[in-house]
Amino acid sequence: MRGDVGTETLLVNASQDLASIIDIATHLAFEIDGAQRNVALGICRMLEGVQLLVDKALDTAHPVV
């Protein structure tokens, strides 16, 4: 990673990566059943919480005016 990448860029990329991972995990959750599905859905929920934190950090660091 380049050293001159700004905080906003890093947070935006992290948010987009999290959204992609959530989509993958959600798709997986609906392809499996039972305990494995519960695990996949739990992962989705944890990822959504992390995404909320990243998005809040982005809003705090670079508020939209």
C-alpha atoms as a PDB file:
ATOM      1  CA  MET A   1       0.000   0.000   0.000  1.00  0.00           C
ATOM      2  CA  ARG A   2       1.226   3.466  -0.839  1.00  0.00           C
ATOM      3  CA  GLY A   3       2.110   5.718   2.072  1.00  0.00           C
ATOM      4  CA  ASP A   4       0.395   8.764   0.588  1.00  0.00           C
ATOM      5  CA  VAL A   5      -3.121   7.305   0.634  1.00  0.00           C
ATOM      6  CA  GLY A   6      -5.442   9.496   2.699  1.00  0.00           C
ATOM      7  CA  THR A   7      -7.720   8.466   5.534  1.00  0.00           C
ATOM      8  CA  GLU A   8     -10.859   9.120   3.499  1.00  0.00           C
ATOM      9  CA  THR A   9      -9.676   6.850   0.686  1.00  0.00           C
ATOM     10  CA  LEU A  10      -8.771   4.085   3.125  1.00  0.00           C
ATOM     11  CA  LEU A  11     -12.139   4.288   4.889  1.00  0.00           C
ATOM     12  CA  VAL A  12     -14.074   4.338   1.609  1.00  0.00           C
ATOM     13  CA  ASN A  13     -12.169   1.293   0.363  1.00  0.00           C
ATOM     14  CA  ALA A  14     -12.705  -0.515   3.671  1.00  0.00           C
ATOM     15  CA  SER A  15     -16.441   0.233   3.508  1.00  0.00           C
ATOM     16  CA  GLN A  16     -16.693  -1.034  -0.065  1.00  0.00           C
ATOM     17  CA  ASP A  17     -14.705  -4.170   0.776  1.00  0.00           C
ATOM     18  CA  LEU A  18     -16.959  -4.861   3.756  1.00  0.00           C
ATOM     19  CA  ALA A  19     -20.067  -4.427   1.592  1.00  0.00           C
ATOM     20  CA  SER A  20     -18.674  -6.971  -0.882  1.00  0.00           C
ATOM     21  CA  ILE A  21     -17.814  -9.453   1.866  1.00  0.00           C
ATOM     22  CA  ILE A  22     -21.300  -9.050   3.361  1.00  0.00           C
ATOM     23  CA  ASP A  23     -22.826  -9.828  -0.038  1.00  0.00           C
ATOM     24  CA  ILE A  24     -20.681 -12.951  -0.380  1.00  0.00           C
ATOM     25  CA  ALA A  25     -21.505 -14.163   3.140  1.00  0.00           C
ATOM     26  CA  THR A  26     -25.222 -13.454   2.672  1.00  0.00           C
ATOM     27  CA  HIS A  27     -25.260 -15.377  -0.601  1.00  0.00           C
ATOM     28  CA  LEU A  28     -23.488 -18.266   1.114  1.00  0.00           C
ATOM     29  CA  ALA A  29     -25.965 -18.221   4.019  1.00  0.00           C
ATOM     30  CA  PHE A  30     -28.856 -18.855   1.663  1.00  0.00           C
ATOM     31  CA  GLU A  31     -27.045 -21.735  -0.050  1.00  0.00           C
ATOM     32  CA  ILE A  32     -26.559 -23.765   3.140  1.00  0.00           C
ATOM     33  CA  ASP A  33     -28.769 -25.000   5.984  1.00  0.00           C
ATOM     34  CA  GLY A  34     -28.712 -25.661   9.695  1.00  0.00           C
ATOM     35  CA  ALA A  35     -25.898 -24.647  12.000  1.00  0.00           C
ATOM     36  CA  GLN A  36     -23.663 -23.624   9.096  1.00  0.00           C
ATOM     37  CA  ARG A  37     -26.313 -21.144   7.945  1.00  0.00           C
ATOM     38  CA  ASN A  38     -26.513 -19.717  11.454  1.00  0.00           C
ATOM     39  CA  VAL A  39     -22.746 -19.255  11.474  1.00  0.00           C
ATOM     40  CA  ALA A  40     -22.815 -17.505   8.079  1.00  0.00           C
ATOM     41  CA  LEU A  41     -25.651 -15.219   9.223  1.00  0.00           C
ATOM     42  CA  GLY A  42     -23.730 -14.442  12.419  1.00  0.00           C
ATOM     43  CA  ILE A  43     -20.719 -13.484  10.327  1.00  0.00           C
ATOM     44  CA  CYS A  44     -22.965 -11.214   8.241  1.00  0.00           C
ATOM     45  CA  ARG A  45     -24.226  -9.457  11.353  1.00  0.00           C
ATOM     46  CA  MET A  46     -20.721  -8.965  12.727  1.00  0.00           C
ATOM     47  CA  LEU A  47     -19.558  -7.581   9.388  1.00  0.00           C
ATOM     48  CA  GLU A  48     -22.522  -5.194   9.298  1.00  0.00           C
ATOM     49  CA  GLY A  49     -21.510  -3.902  12.733  1.00  0.00           C
ATOM     50  CA  VAL A  50     -17.949  -3.344  11.558  1.00  0.00           C
ATOM     51  CA  GLN A  51     -19.246  -1.582   8.454  1.00  0.00           C
ATOM     52  CA  LEU A  52     -21.310   0.767  10.633  1.00  0.00           C
ATOM     53  CA  LEU A  53     -18.155   1.614  12.603  1.00  0.00           C
ATOM     54  CA  VAL A  54     -16.146   2.278   9.435  1.00  0.00           C
ATOM     55  CA  ASP A  55     -18.940   4.395   7.954  1.00  0.00           C
ATOM     56  CA  LYS A  56     -19.222   6.390  11.211  1.00  0.00           C
ATOM     57  CA  ALA A  57     -15.457   6.949  11.196  1.00  0.00           C
ATOM     58  CA  LEU A  58     -15.705   8.146   7.596  1.00  0.00           C
ATOM     59  CA  ASP A  59     -18.561  10.518   8.454  1.00  0.00           C
ATOM     60  CA  THR A  60     -16.619  11.861  11.435  1.00  0.00           C
ATOM     61  CA  ALA A  61     -13.338  12.277   9.561  1.00  0.00           C
ATOM     62  CA  HIS A  62     -14.902  13.728   6.417  1.00  0.00           C
ATOM     63  CA  PRO A  63     -18.472  14.953   6.987  1.00  0.00           C
ATOM     64  CA  VAL A  64     -20.626  15.516   3.916  1.00  0.00           C
ATOM     65  CA  VAL A  65     -21.698  19.146   3.805  1.00  0.00           C
END
